N, C-alpha and C. Protein backbone atom coordinates (compact mmCIF):
# COMPACT_ATOMS: atom_id res chain seq x y z
N UNK A 1 -162.44 128.60 -19.39
CA UNK A 1 -162.56 128.14 -20.76
C UNK A 1 -163.75 128.85 -21.41
N UNK A 2 -163.55 129.33 -22.62
CA UNK A 2 -164.61 130.05 -23.30
C UNK A 2 -165.72 129.11 -23.76
N UNK A 3 -166.94 129.63 -23.87
CA UNK A 3 -168.02 128.80 -24.41
C UNK A 3 -167.72 128.29 -25.83
N UNK A 4 -167.03 129.12 -26.62
CA UNK A 4 -166.68 128.72 -27.99
C UNK A 4 -165.76 127.51 -28.00
N UNK A 5 -164.76 127.52 -27.10
CA UNK A 5 -163.83 126.39 -27.04
C UNK A 5 -164.55 125.13 -26.54
N UNK A 6 -165.44 125.29 -25.58
CA UNK A 6 -166.22 124.15 -25.09
C UNK A 6 -167.05 123.56 -26.23
N UNK A 7 -167.64 124.42 -27.04
CA UNK A 7 -168.43 123.97 -28.19
C UNK A 7 -167.55 123.20 -29.19
N UNK A 8 -166.33 123.68 -29.42
CA UNK A 8 -165.39 123.02 -30.33
C UNK A 8 -165.03 121.63 -29.78
N UNK A 9 -164.75 121.57 -28.49
CA UNK A 9 -164.39 120.28 -27.87
C UNK A 9 -165.54 119.30 -27.97
N UNK A 10 -166.75 119.76 -27.65
CA UNK A 10 -167.93 118.88 -27.74
C UNK A 10 -168.10 118.34 -29.16
N UNK A 11 -167.96 119.22 -30.13
CA UNK A 11 -168.11 118.83 -31.53
C UNK A 11 -167.06 117.79 -31.92
N UNK A 12 -165.81 118.01 -31.53
CA UNK A 12 -164.74 117.07 -31.86
C UNK A 12 -164.96 115.72 -31.19
N UNK A 13 -165.39 115.73 -29.94
CA UNK A 13 -165.67 114.47 -29.24
C UNK A 13 -166.77 113.70 -29.96
N UNK A 14 -167.80 114.41 -30.39
CA UNK A 14 -168.92 113.77 -31.07
C UNK A 14 -168.49 113.22 -32.44
N UNK A 15 -167.75 114.03 -33.19
CA UNK A 15 -167.33 113.61 -34.53
C UNK A 15 -166.43 112.38 -34.51
N UNK A 16 -165.58 112.29 -33.50
CA UNK A 16 -164.65 111.17 -33.44
C UNK A 16 -165.26 109.93 -32.83
N UNK A 17 -166.36 110.09 -32.11
CA UNK A 17 -167.00 108.96 -31.47
C UNK A 17 -166.24 108.43 -30.26
N UNK A 18 -165.31 109.19 -29.76
CA UNK A 18 -164.54 108.77 -28.59
C UNK A 18 -165.41 108.78 -27.34
N UNK A 19 -164.98 108.03 -26.34
CA UNK A 19 -165.70 108.04 -25.07
C UNK A 19 -164.96 108.86 -23.99
N UNK A 20 -164.02 109.68 -24.42
CA UNK A 20 -163.31 110.55 -23.49
C UNK A 20 -164.31 111.58 -22.97
N UNK A 21 -164.31 111.79 -21.67
CA UNK A 21 -165.24 112.75 -21.05
C UNK A 21 -164.95 114.19 -21.46
N UNK A 22 -166.00 114.96 -21.61
CA UNK A 22 -165.87 116.38 -21.90
C UNK A 22 -165.05 117.07 -20.80
N UNK A 23 -165.36 116.80 -19.54
CA UNK A 23 -164.64 117.45 -18.43
C UNK A 23 -163.15 117.11 -18.46
N UNK A 24 -162.82 115.89 -18.84
CA UNK A 24 -161.41 115.50 -18.93
C UNK A 24 -160.70 116.28 -20.03
N UNK A 25 -161.35 116.40 -21.17
CA UNK A 25 -160.75 117.16 -22.28
C UNK A 25 -160.61 118.63 -21.92
N UNK A 26 -161.63 119.19 -21.29
CA UNK A 26 -161.55 120.59 -20.88
C UNK A 26 -160.38 120.80 -19.92
N UNK A 27 -160.26 119.92 -18.93
CA UNK A 27 -159.19 120.05 -17.95
C UNK A 27 -157.82 119.90 -18.61
N UNK A 28 -157.70 118.90 -19.44
CA UNK A 28 -156.44 118.63 -20.12
C UNK A 28 -155.99 119.82 -20.95
N UNK A 29 -156.92 120.36 -21.73
CA UNK A 29 -156.60 121.50 -22.60
C UNK A 29 -156.28 122.74 -21.78
N UNK A 30 -157.03 122.97 -20.72
CA UNK A 30 -156.76 124.14 -19.88
C UNK A 30 -155.37 124.07 -19.25
N UNK A 31 -155.04 122.93 -18.69
CA UNK A 31 -153.75 122.79 -18.01
C UNK A 31 -152.59 122.81 -19.00
N UNK A 32 -152.79 122.19 -20.14
CA UNK A 32 -151.71 122.11 -21.13
C UNK A 32 -151.43 123.44 -21.81
N UNK A 33 -152.47 124.22 -22.09
CA UNK A 33 -152.26 125.43 -22.90
C UNK A 33 -153.02 126.65 -22.41
N UNK A 34 -153.68 126.55 -21.27
CA UNK A 34 -154.48 127.70 -20.84
C UNK A 34 -155.70 127.90 -21.72
N UNK A 35 -156.02 126.90 -22.55
CA UNK A 35 -157.21 127.00 -23.39
C UNK A 35 -156.99 127.79 -24.67
N UNK A 36 -155.73 128.02 -25.04
CA UNK A 36 -155.45 128.76 -26.28
C UNK A 36 -154.49 127.97 -27.15
N UNK A 37 -154.72 128.04 -28.44
CA UNK A 37 -153.83 127.39 -29.39
C UNK A 37 -153.07 128.38 -30.24
N UNK A 38 -153.52 129.63 -30.20
CA UNK A 38 -152.91 130.68 -31.01
C UNK A 38 -152.54 131.86 -30.12
N UNK A 39 -151.46 132.53 -30.45
CA UNK A 39 -151.02 133.71 -29.71
C UNK A 39 -152.01 134.85 -29.97
N UNK A 40 -152.55 135.40 -28.90
CA UNK A 40 -153.56 136.46 -29.06
C UNK A 40 -152.98 137.73 -29.67
N UNK A 41 -151.66 137.93 -29.57
CA UNK A 41 -151.05 139.14 -30.13
C UNK A 41 -150.66 139.00 -31.60
N UNK A 42 -150.19 137.81 -31.98
CA UNK A 42 -149.69 137.63 -33.35
C UNK A 42 -150.59 136.77 -34.22
N UNK A 43 -151.43 135.94 -33.60
CA UNK A 43 -152.26 135.02 -34.36
C UNK A 43 -151.54 133.75 -34.77
N UNK A 44 -150.24 133.65 -34.44
CA UNK A 44 -149.48 132.44 -34.78
C UNK A 44 -149.84 131.32 -33.80
N UNK A 45 -149.63 130.06 -34.25
CA UNK A 45 -149.85 128.95 -33.32
C UNK A 45 -148.83 129.07 -32.18
N UNK A 46 -149.26 128.66 -30.99
CA UNK A 46 -148.37 128.66 -29.85
C UNK A 46 -147.36 127.53 -30.02
N UNK A 47 -146.11 127.83 -29.71
CA UNK A 47 -145.06 126.81 -29.85
C UNK A 47 -144.19 126.77 -28.60
N UNK A 48 -143.52 125.63 -28.44
CA UNK A 48 -142.46 125.47 -27.44
C UNK A 48 -141.35 124.72 -28.15
N UNK A 49 -140.34 125.47 -28.58
CA UNK A 49 -139.21 124.85 -29.27
C UNK A 49 -138.32 124.16 -28.24
N UNK A 50 -137.94 122.91 -28.53
CA UNK A 50 -137.14 122.11 -27.60
C UNK A 50 -135.75 121.87 -28.17
N UNK A 51 -134.75 122.66 -27.72
CA UNK A 51 -133.39 122.54 -28.26
C UNK A 51 -132.79 121.14 -28.13
N UNK A 52 -133.08 120.44 -27.03
CA UNK A 52 -132.49 119.10 -26.85
C UNK A 52 -132.99 118.13 -27.91
N UNK A 53 -134.24 118.30 -28.35
CA UNK A 53 -134.75 117.44 -29.42
C UNK A 53 -134.11 117.82 -30.76
N UNK A 54 -133.96 119.12 -31.00
CA UNK A 54 -133.35 119.55 -32.26
C UNK A 54 -131.91 119.04 -32.35
N UNK A 55 -131.20 119.08 -31.23
CA UNK A 55 -129.82 118.60 -31.22
C UNK A 55 -129.76 117.11 -31.58
N UNK A 56 -130.75 116.34 -31.12
CA UNK A 56 -130.81 114.91 -31.46
C UNK A 56 -131.12 114.70 -32.93
N UNK A 57 -132.05 115.51 -33.44
CA UNK A 57 -132.52 115.31 -34.82
C UNK A 57 -131.61 115.95 -35.85
N UNK A 58 -130.86 116.97 -35.44
CA UNK A 58 -129.94 117.65 -36.36
C UNK A 58 -128.60 117.88 -35.66
N UNK A 59 -127.88 116.81 -35.34
CA UNK A 59 -126.64 116.94 -34.57
C UNK A 59 -125.55 117.74 -35.30
N UNK A 60 -125.69 117.87 -36.60
CA UNK A 60 -124.74 118.61 -37.43
C UNK A 60 -124.99 120.11 -37.43
N UNK A 61 -126.14 120.55 -36.92
CA UNK A 61 -126.52 121.97 -36.99
C UNK A 61 -125.62 122.81 -36.09
N UNK A 62 -125.06 123.89 -36.63
CA UNK A 62 -124.23 124.76 -35.79
C UNK A 62 -125.08 125.48 -34.74
N UNK A 63 -124.47 125.83 -33.63
CA UNK A 63 -125.18 126.56 -32.58
C UNK A 63 -125.69 127.88 -33.11
N UNK A 64 -126.64 128.43 -32.38
CA UNK A 64 -127.21 129.71 -32.77
C UNK A 64 -128.33 130.06 -31.80
N UNK A 65 -129.27 130.87 -32.25
CA UNK A 65 -130.42 131.23 -31.40
C UNK A 65 -131.14 129.99 -30.88
N UNK A 66 -131.21 128.95 -31.70
CA UNK A 66 -131.93 127.74 -31.31
C UNK A 66 -131.32 127.08 -30.08
N UNK A 67 -130.00 127.17 -29.93
CA UNK A 67 -129.32 126.40 -28.88
C UNK A 67 -129.37 127.06 -27.51
N UNK A 68 -129.84 128.29 -27.43
CA UNK A 68 -129.91 128.97 -26.13
C UNK A 68 -131.35 129.18 -25.66
N UNK A 69 -132.29 128.57 -26.34
CA UNK A 69 -133.70 128.74 -25.99
C UNK A 69 -134.04 128.01 -24.70
N UNK A 70 -134.40 128.78 -23.67
CA UNK A 70 -134.80 128.19 -22.39
C UNK A 70 -135.98 128.94 -21.81
N UNK A 71 -136.71 129.61 -22.65
CA UNK A 71 -137.78 130.48 -22.17
C UNK A 71 -139.13 130.04 -22.69
N UNK A 72 -140.14 130.66 -22.10
CA UNK A 72 -141.52 130.34 -22.45
C UNK A 72 -142.21 131.56 -23.06
N UNK A 73 -141.42 132.45 -23.66
CA UNK A 73 -141.94 133.67 -24.25
C UNK A 73 -142.06 133.45 -25.76
N UNK A 74 -143.25 133.63 -26.31
CA UNK A 74 -143.49 133.29 -27.71
C UNK A 74 -142.54 133.97 -28.68
N UNK A 75 -142.25 135.25 -28.49
CA UNK A 75 -141.36 135.94 -29.44
C UNK A 75 -139.99 135.27 -29.46
N UNK A 76 -139.49 134.84 -28.31
CA UNK A 76 -138.18 134.18 -28.24
C UNK A 76 -138.26 132.74 -28.73
N UNK A 77 -139.39 132.09 -28.48
CA UNK A 77 -139.58 130.73 -29.00
C UNK A 77 -139.50 130.77 -30.53
N UNK A 78 -140.14 131.76 -31.14
CA UNK A 78 -140.15 131.86 -32.60
C UNK A 78 -138.77 132.21 -33.14
N UNK A 79 -138.00 133.04 -32.43
CA UNK A 79 -136.62 133.33 -32.86
C UNK A 79 -135.80 132.05 -32.91
N UNK A 80 -135.89 131.27 -31.82
CA UNK A 80 -135.15 130.01 -31.76
C UNK A 80 -135.64 129.05 -32.84
N UNK A 81 -136.96 128.92 -32.98
CA UNK A 81 -137.52 128.02 -33.98
C UNK A 81 -137.07 128.43 -35.38
N UNK A 82 -137.19 129.71 -35.71
CA UNK A 82 -136.84 130.18 -37.05
C UNK A 82 -135.36 129.93 -37.36
N UNK A 83 -134.51 130.11 -36.35
CA UNK A 83 -133.08 129.83 -36.54
C UNK A 83 -132.88 128.34 -36.85
N UNK A 84 -133.53 127.49 -36.08
CA UNK A 84 -133.43 126.05 -36.30
C UNK A 84 -134.03 125.68 -37.66
N UNK A 85 -135.17 126.28 -38.00
CA UNK A 85 -135.84 125.99 -39.27
C UNK A 85 -134.92 126.33 -40.45
N UNK A 86 -134.18 127.40 -40.32
CA UNK A 86 -133.24 127.80 -41.38
C UNK A 86 -132.16 126.73 -41.57
N UNK A 87 -131.80 126.05 -40.50
CA UNK A 87 -130.75 125.03 -40.56
C UNK A 87 -131.29 123.67 -41.02
N UNK A 88 -132.51 123.30 -40.57
CA UNK A 88 -133.12 122.02 -40.96
C UNK A 88 -134.62 122.11 -40.69
N UNK A 89 -135.42 122.43 -41.70
CA UNK A 89 -136.85 122.65 -41.50
C UNK A 89 -137.59 121.48 -40.83
N UNK A 90 -137.39 120.27 -41.33
CA UNK A 90 -138.11 119.13 -40.75
C UNK A 90 -137.70 118.88 -39.31
N UNK A 91 -136.41 118.92 -39.03
CA UNK A 91 -135.93 118.69 -37.66
C UNK A 91 -136.47 119.77 -36.73
N UNK A 92 -136.55 121.00 -37.20
CA UNK A 92 -137.08 122.09 -36.37
C UNK A 92 -138.56 121.86 -36.06
N UNK A 93 -139.34 121.51 -37.08
CA UNK A 93 -140.77 121.28 -36.85
C UNK A 93 -141.01 120.06 -35.96
N UNK A 94 -140.20 119.03 -36.12
CA UNK A 94 -140.35 117.84 -35.29
C UNK A 94 -139.93 118.09 -33.84
N UNK A 95 -139.10 119.10 -33.62
CA UNK A 95 -138.55 119.40 -32.30
C UNK A 95 -139.34 120.46 -31.55
N UNK A 96 -140.54 120.72 -31.99
CA UNK A 96 -141.35 121.78 -31.41
C UNK A 96 -142.74 121.25 -31.07
N UNK A 97 -143.21 121.59 -29.87
CA UNK A 97 -144.59 121.26 -29.52
C UNK A 97 -145.47 122.44 -29.95
N UNK A 98 -146.64 122.11 -30.48
CA UNK A 98 -147.44 123.17 -31.10
C UNK A 98 -148.91 123.13 -30.69
N UNK A 99 -149.49 124.34 -30.76
CA UNK A 99 -150.92 124.50 -30.63
C UNK A 99 -151.50 124.26 -29.25
N UNK A 100 -152.79 124.10 -29.23
CA UNK A 100 -153.57 123.89 -28.01
C UNK A 100 -153.09 122.69 -27.20
N UNK A 101 -152.84 121.54 -27.83
CA UNK A 101 -152.41 120.39 -27.04
C UNK A 101 -150.90 120.31 -26.82
N UNK A 102 -150.14 121.21 -27.45
CA UNK A 102 -148.68 121.20 -27.35
C UNK A 102 -148.11 119.81 -27.66
N UNK A 103 -148.54 119.26 -28.78
CA UNK A 103 -148.04 117.96 -29.23
C UNK A 103 -146.75 118.18 -30.01
N UNK A 104 -145.73 117.37 -29.70
CA UNK A 104 -144.46 117.47 -30.40
C UNK A 104 -144.64 117.11 -31.88
N UNK A 105 -143.94 117.83 -32.73
CA UNK A 105 -144.02 117.60 -34.17
C UNK A 105 -143.61 116.21 -34.60
N UNK A 106 -142.72 115.57 -33.82
CA UNK A 106 -142.28 114.24 -34.23
C UNK A 106 -143.38 113.19 -34.15
N UNK A 107 -144.56 113.56 -33.65
CA UNK A 107 -145.70 112.63 -33.61
C UNK A 107 -146.55 112.69 -34.88
N UNK A 108 -146.09 113.37 -35.92
CA UNK A 108 -146.90 113.58 -37.11
C UNK A 108 -147.43 112.28 -37.72
N UNK A 109 -146.59 111.26 -37.78
CA UNK A 109 -147.02 110.00 -38.40
C UNK A 109 -148.09 109.32 -37.55
N UNK A 110 -147.88 109.30 -36.26
CA UNK A 110 -148.86 108.70 -35.33
C UNK A 110 -150.23 109.35 -35.46
N UNK A 111 -150.23 110.64 -35.75
CA UNK A 111 -151.48 111.39 -35.87
C UNK A 111 -152.12 111.26 -37.24
N UNK A 112 -151.44 110.57 -38.15
CA UNK A 112 -152.02 110.31 -39.47
C UNK A 112 -151.68 111.34 -40.54
N UNK A 113 -150.68 112.17 -40.29
CA UNK A 113 -150.29 113.17 -41.29
C UNK A 113 -149.28 112.57 -42.27
N UNK A 114 -149.23 113.15 -43.48
CA UNK A 114 -148.28 112.69 -44.49
C UNK A 114 -146.86 113.12 -44.18
N UNK A 115 -146.72 114.23 -43.45
CA UNK A 115 -145.39 114.75 -43.10
C UNK A 115 -145.57 115.70 -41.91
N UNK A 116 -144.45 116.08 -41.32
CA UNK A 116 -144.51 117.05 -40.23
C UNK A 116 -145.01 118.40 -40.75
N UNK A 117 -144.66 118.73 -41.98
CA UNK A 117 -145.15 119.98 -42.59
C UNK A 117 -146.66 120.00 -42.72
N UNK A 118 -147.24 118.84 -43.08
CA UNK A 118 -148.71 118.75 -43.16
C UNK A 118 -149.34 118.94 -41.78
N UNK A 119 -148.69 118.40 -40.77
CA UNK A 119 -149.21 118.58 -39.41
C UNK A 119 -149.23 120.07 -39.05
N UNK A 120 -148.12 120.75 -39.30
CA UNK A 120 -148.06 122.18 -38.99
C UNK A 120 -149.11 122.97 -39.79
N UNK A 121 -149.25 122.65 -41.07
CA UNK A 121 -150.24 123.35 -41.90
C UNK A 121 -151.65 123.14 -41.35
N UNK A 122 -151.95 121.91 -40.93
CA UNK A 122 -153.26 121.59 -40.37
C UNK A 122 -153.50 122.37 -39.07
N UNK A 123 -152.50 122.43 -38.22
CA UNK A 123 -152.63 123.15 -36.95
C UNK A 123 -152.79 124.65 -37.18
N UNK A 124 -152.20 125.19 -38.23
CA UNK A 124 -152.31 126.62 -38.51
C UNK A 124 -153.74 127.01 -38.88
N UNK A 125 -154.53 126.04 -39.35
CA UNK A 125 -155.88 126.33 -39.84
C UNK A 125 -156.90 126.64 -38.77
N UNK A 126 -156.94 125.84 -37.68
CA UNK A 126 -158.02 126.04 -36.71
C UNK A 126 -157.79 125.34 -35.39
N UNK A 127 -158.45 125.85 -34.38
CA UNK A 127 -158.46 125.21 -33.07
C UNK A 127 -159.12 123.84 -33.14
N UNK A 128 -160.13 123.71 -33.99
CA UNK A 128 -160.80 122.42 -34.16
C UNK A 128 -159.81 121.34 -34.55
N UNK A 129 -158.87 121.68 -35.43
CA UNK A 129 -157.86 120.72 -35.85
C UNK A 129 -156.95 120.32 -34.69
N UNK A 130 -156.67 121.27 -33.80
CA UNK A 130 -155.84 120.97 -32.62
C UNK A 130 -156.55 119.94 -31.74
N UNK A 131 -157.84 120.16 -31.50
CA UNK A 131 -158.60 119.26 -30.62
C UNK A 131 -158.72 117.88 -31.26
N UNK A 132 -158.96 117.83 -32.55
CA UNK A 132 -159.05 116.53 -33.25
C UNK A 132 -157.73 115.77 -33.14
N UNK A 133 -156.61 116.48 -33.30
CA UNK A 133 -155.29 115.84 -33.19
C UNK A 133 -155.05 115.33 -31.77
N UNK A 134 -155.49 116.10 -30.79
CA UNK A 134 -155.33 115.67 -29.40
C UNK A 134 -156.13 114.39 -29.14
N UNK A 135 -157.33 114.32 -29.65
CA UNK A 135 -158.14 113.11 -29.47
C UNK A 135 -157.44 111.92 -30.11
N UNK A 136 -156.91 112.10 -31.31
CA UNK A 136 -156.18 111.03 -31.97
C UNK A 136 -154.96 110.62 -31.14
N UNK A 137 -154.27 111.61 -30.60
CA UNK A 137 -153.09 111.33 -29.78
C UNK A 137 -153.46 110.46 -28.58
N UNK A 138 -154.55 110.80 -27.92
CA UNK A 138 -155.00 110.03 -26.75
C UNK A 138 -155.44 108.63 -27.17
N UNK A 139 -156.23 108.57 -28.23
CA UNK A 139 -156.77 107.29 -28.68
C UNK A 139 -155.68 106.33 -29.16
N UNK A 140 -154.53 106.85 -29.58
CA UNK A 140 -153.45 105.99 -30.08
C UNK A 140 -152.45 105.63 -28.98
N UNK A 141 -152.76 105.97 -27.76
CA UNK A 141 -151.91 105.59 -26.62
C UNK A 141 -152.82 104.97 -25.55
N UNK A 142 -152.93 103.65 -25.57
CA UNK A 142 -153.89 103.01 -24.67
C UNK A 142 -153.57 103.28 -23.20
N UNK A 143 -152.29 103.44 -22.85
CA UNK A 143 -151.95 103.75 -21.44
C UNK A 143 -152.46 105.13 -21.04
N UNK A 144 -152.30 106.10 -21.93
CA UNK A 144 -152.79 107.45 -21.64
C UNK A 144 -154.31 107.45 -21.55
N UNK A 145 -154.95 106.78 -22.50
CA UNK A 145 -156.42 106.71 -22.48
C UNK A 145 -156.91 106.04 -21.20
N UNK A 146 -156.27 104.94 -20.81
CA UNK A 146 -156.69 104.24 -19.59
C UNK A 146 -156.45 105.11 -18.36
N UNK A 147 -155.35 105.85 -18.34
CA UNK A 147 -155.07 106.74 -17.21
C UNK A 147 -156.15 107.81 -17.10
N UNK A 148 -156.65 108.28 -18.25
CA UNK A 148 -157.73 109.27 -18.22
C UNK A 148 -159.03 108.64 -17.71
N UNK A 149 -159.32 107.44 -18.15
CA UNK A 149 -160.53 106.75 -17.68
C UNK A 149 -160.44 106.52 -16.17
N UNK A 150 -159.26 106.11 -15.71
CA UNK A 150 -159.05 105.82 -14.28
C UNK A 150 -158.86 107.09 -13.43
N UNK A 151 -158.71 108.21 -14.11
CA UNK A 151 -158.39 109.48 -13.43
C UNK A 151 -157.12 109.33 -12.59
N UNK A 152 -156.13 108.71 -13.21
CA UNK A 152 -154.83 108.54 -12.60
C UNK A 152 -153.98 109.75 -12.99
N UNK A 153 -154.11 110.79 -12.21
CA UNK A 153 -153.52 112.10 -12.54
C UNK A 153 -152.01 112.02 -12.71
N UNK A 154 -151.34 111.28 -11.83
CA UNK A 154 -149.89 111.14 -11.95
C UNK A 154 -149.52 110.46 -13.27
N UNK A 155 -150.21 109.39 -13.62
CA UNK A 155 -149.87 108.66 -14.85
C UNK A 155 -150.13 109.52 -16.09
N UNK A 156 -151.21 110.30 -16.08
CA UNK A 156 -151.48 111.20 -17.21
C UNK A 156 -150.32 112.17 -17.37
N UNK A 157 -149.92 112.80 -16.28
CA UNK A 157 -148.82 113.77 -16.31
C UNK A 157 -147.52 113.11 -16.74
N UNK A 158 -147.27 111.92 -16.21
CA UNK A 158 -146.05 111.19 -16.53
C UNK A 158 -145.98 110.85 -18.01
N UNK A 159 -147.06 110.34 -18.56
CA UNK A 159 -147.09 109.94 -19.97
C UNK A 159 -147.01 111.16 -20.88
N UNK A 160 -147.75 112.21 -20.56
CA UNK A 160 -147.84 113.35 -21.48
C UNK A 160 -146.66 114.32 -21.35
N UNK A 161 -146.13 114.47 -20.14
CA UNK A 161 -145.06 115.45 -19.95
C UNK A 161 -143.73 114.87 -19.51
N UNK A 162 -143.66 113.56 -19.35
CA UNK A 162 -142.40 112.93 -19.02
C UNK A 162 -142.19 112.75 -17.53
N UNK A 163 -141.20 111.93 -17.20
CA UNK A 163 -140.95 111.57 -15.81
C UNK A 163 -140.49 112.74 -14.96
N UNK A 164 -139.97 113.78 -15.57
CA UNK A 164 -139.47 114.92 -14.80
C UNK A 164 -140.48 116.01 -14.53
N UNK A 165 -141.76 115.74 -14.76
CA UNK A 165 -142.76 116.82 -14.63
C UNK A 165 -142.80 117.42 -13.23
N UNK A 166 -142.58 116.61 -12.20
CA UNK A 166 -142.59 117.12 -10.82
C UNK A 166 -141.38 118.02 -10.57
N UNK A 167 -140.22 117.58 -11.03
CA UNK A 167 -139.00 118.38 -10.85
C UNK A 167 -139.11 119.73 -11.54
N UNK A 168 -139.68 119.73 -12.74
CA UNK A 168 -139.85 120.99 -13.47
C UNK A 168 -140.78 121.92 -12.71
N UNK A 169 -141.87 121.38 -12.17
CA UNK A 169 -142.80 122.21 -11.39
C UNK A 169 -142.10 122.83 -10.19
N UNK A 170 -141.32 122.04 -9.49
CA UNK A 170 -140.61 122.56 -8.32
C UNK A 170 -139.57 123.60 -8.73
N UNK A 171 -138.86 123.33 -9.82
CA UNK A 171 -137.81 124.25 -10.29
C UNK A 171 -138.38 125.64 -10.59
N UNK A 172 -139.56 125.67 -11.21
CA UNK A 172 -140.16 126.94 -11.60
C UNK A 172 -141.21 127.45 -10.62
N UNK A 173 -141.34 126.78 -9.48
CA UNK A 173 -142.31 127.21 -8.46
C UNK A 173 -143.75 127.09 -8.91
N UNK A 174 -144.04 126.10 -9.73
CA UNK A 174 -145.40 125.89 -10.24
C UNK A 174 -146.06 124.72 -9.51
N UNK A 175 -147.35 124.72 -9.56
CA UNK A 175 -148.09 123.57 -9.04
C UNK A 175 -147.83 122.39 -9.97
N UNK A 176 -147.56 121.20 -9.44
CA UNK A 176 -147.33 120.04 -10.31
C UNK A 176 -148.53 119.77 -11.23
N UNK A 177 -148.21 119.32 -12.42
CA UNK A 177 -149.18 119.09 -13.48
C UNK A 177 -150.33 118.20 -13.03
N UNK A 178 -150.01 117.12 -12.31
CA UNK A 178 -151.05 116.18 -11.89
C UNK A 178 -152.06 116.85 -10.96
N UNK A 179 -151.60 117.72 -10.09
CA UNK A 179 -152.51 118.42 -9.16
C UNK A 179 -153.35 119.44 -9.91
N UNK A 180 -152.72 120.19 -10.82
CA UNK A 180 -153.47 121.17 -11.63
C UNK A 180 -154.55 120.47 -12.45
N UNK A 181 -154.20 119.32 -13.02
CA UNK A 181 -155.14 118.58 -13.85
C UNK A 181 -156.32 118.07 -13.02
N UNK A 182 -156.05 117.53 -11.86
CA UNK A 182 -157.13 117.04 -10.98
C UNK A 182 -158.06 118.18 -10.58
N UNK A 183 -157.50 119.32 -10.19
CA UNK A 183 -158.32 120.47 -9.78
C UNK A 183 -159.19 120.96 -10.94
N UNK A 184 -158.60 121.03 -12.13
CA UNK A 184 -159.36 121.49 -13.29
C UNK A 184 -160.49 120.51 -13.61
N UNK A 185 -160.19 119.22 -13.55
CA UNK A 185 -161.21 118.22 -13.82
C UNK A 185 -162.37 118.34 -12.82
N UNK A 186 -162.04 118.50 -11.57
CA UNK A 186 -163.08 118.63 -10.54
C UNK A 186 -163.95 119.86 -10.80
N UNK A 187 -163.34 120.93 -11.24
CA UNK A 187 -164.09 122.14 -11.56
C UNK A 187 -165.05 121.90 -12.73
N UNK A 188 -164.54 121.26 -13.80
CA UNK A 188 -165.37 121.05 -14.99
C UNK A 188 -166.42 119.95 -14.78
N UNK A 189 -166.11 118.97 -13.96
CA UNK A 189 -167.07 117.89 -13.75
C UNK A 189 -168.09 118.24 -12.67
N UNK A 190 -167.85 119.35 -11.98
CA UNK A 190 -168.81 119.81 -10.98
C UNK A 190 -168.74 119.04 -9.67
N UNK A 191 -167.63 118.41 -9.41
CA UNK A 191 -167.51 117.67 -8.16
C UNK A 191 -166.10 117.30 -7.85
N UNK A 192 -165.94 116.48 -6.87
CA UNK A 192 -164.60 116.04 -6.47
C UNK A 192 -164.41 114.58 -6.82
N UNK A 193 -164.72 114.25 -8.08
CA UNK A 193 -164.55 112.87 -8.55
C UNK A 193 -163.07 112.58 -8.78
N UNK A 194 -162.67 111.35 -8.52
CA UNK A 194 -161.30 110.91 -8.81
C UNK A 194 -160.37 111.47 -7.83
């Protein structure tokens, strides 16, 4: 994690008055997004378009680039997103996780935005806005916040990434989210706590 990002996280934690640990936020952000909210090549916010959500939100939308998206490559994510956006802008934005925390667009109201478009506009502005939104997301889910306080790695992963997080890790040959999160936290906290 860069010193600049650590400074942004510290500032956001202080401004919000939250009691979430710095090491927990650093670990969470690193595991969720590798510590980046914007594509280093294009400058666009990082996205993960979710076709199954778009299909729920826009069941009338004809198939296209959006319906075959199964990759984690930004150029292809944007092709799928843009195709969906052309068919239904709000449904497309709500069906996509964005930025540093990879929060789904359908959480716009919970985060205090006037619309999903306002959420996207806010995220396009700065990494600071991503971190502030993540803090709000955590603070508005008492189970997630308690799991972070308790350092219940499985519960954090389960709440934030869904019940299938272990299966997805195995499918793609990745380390499970809960283990990655615990290791990152231990690194940032300087010990083997939790």
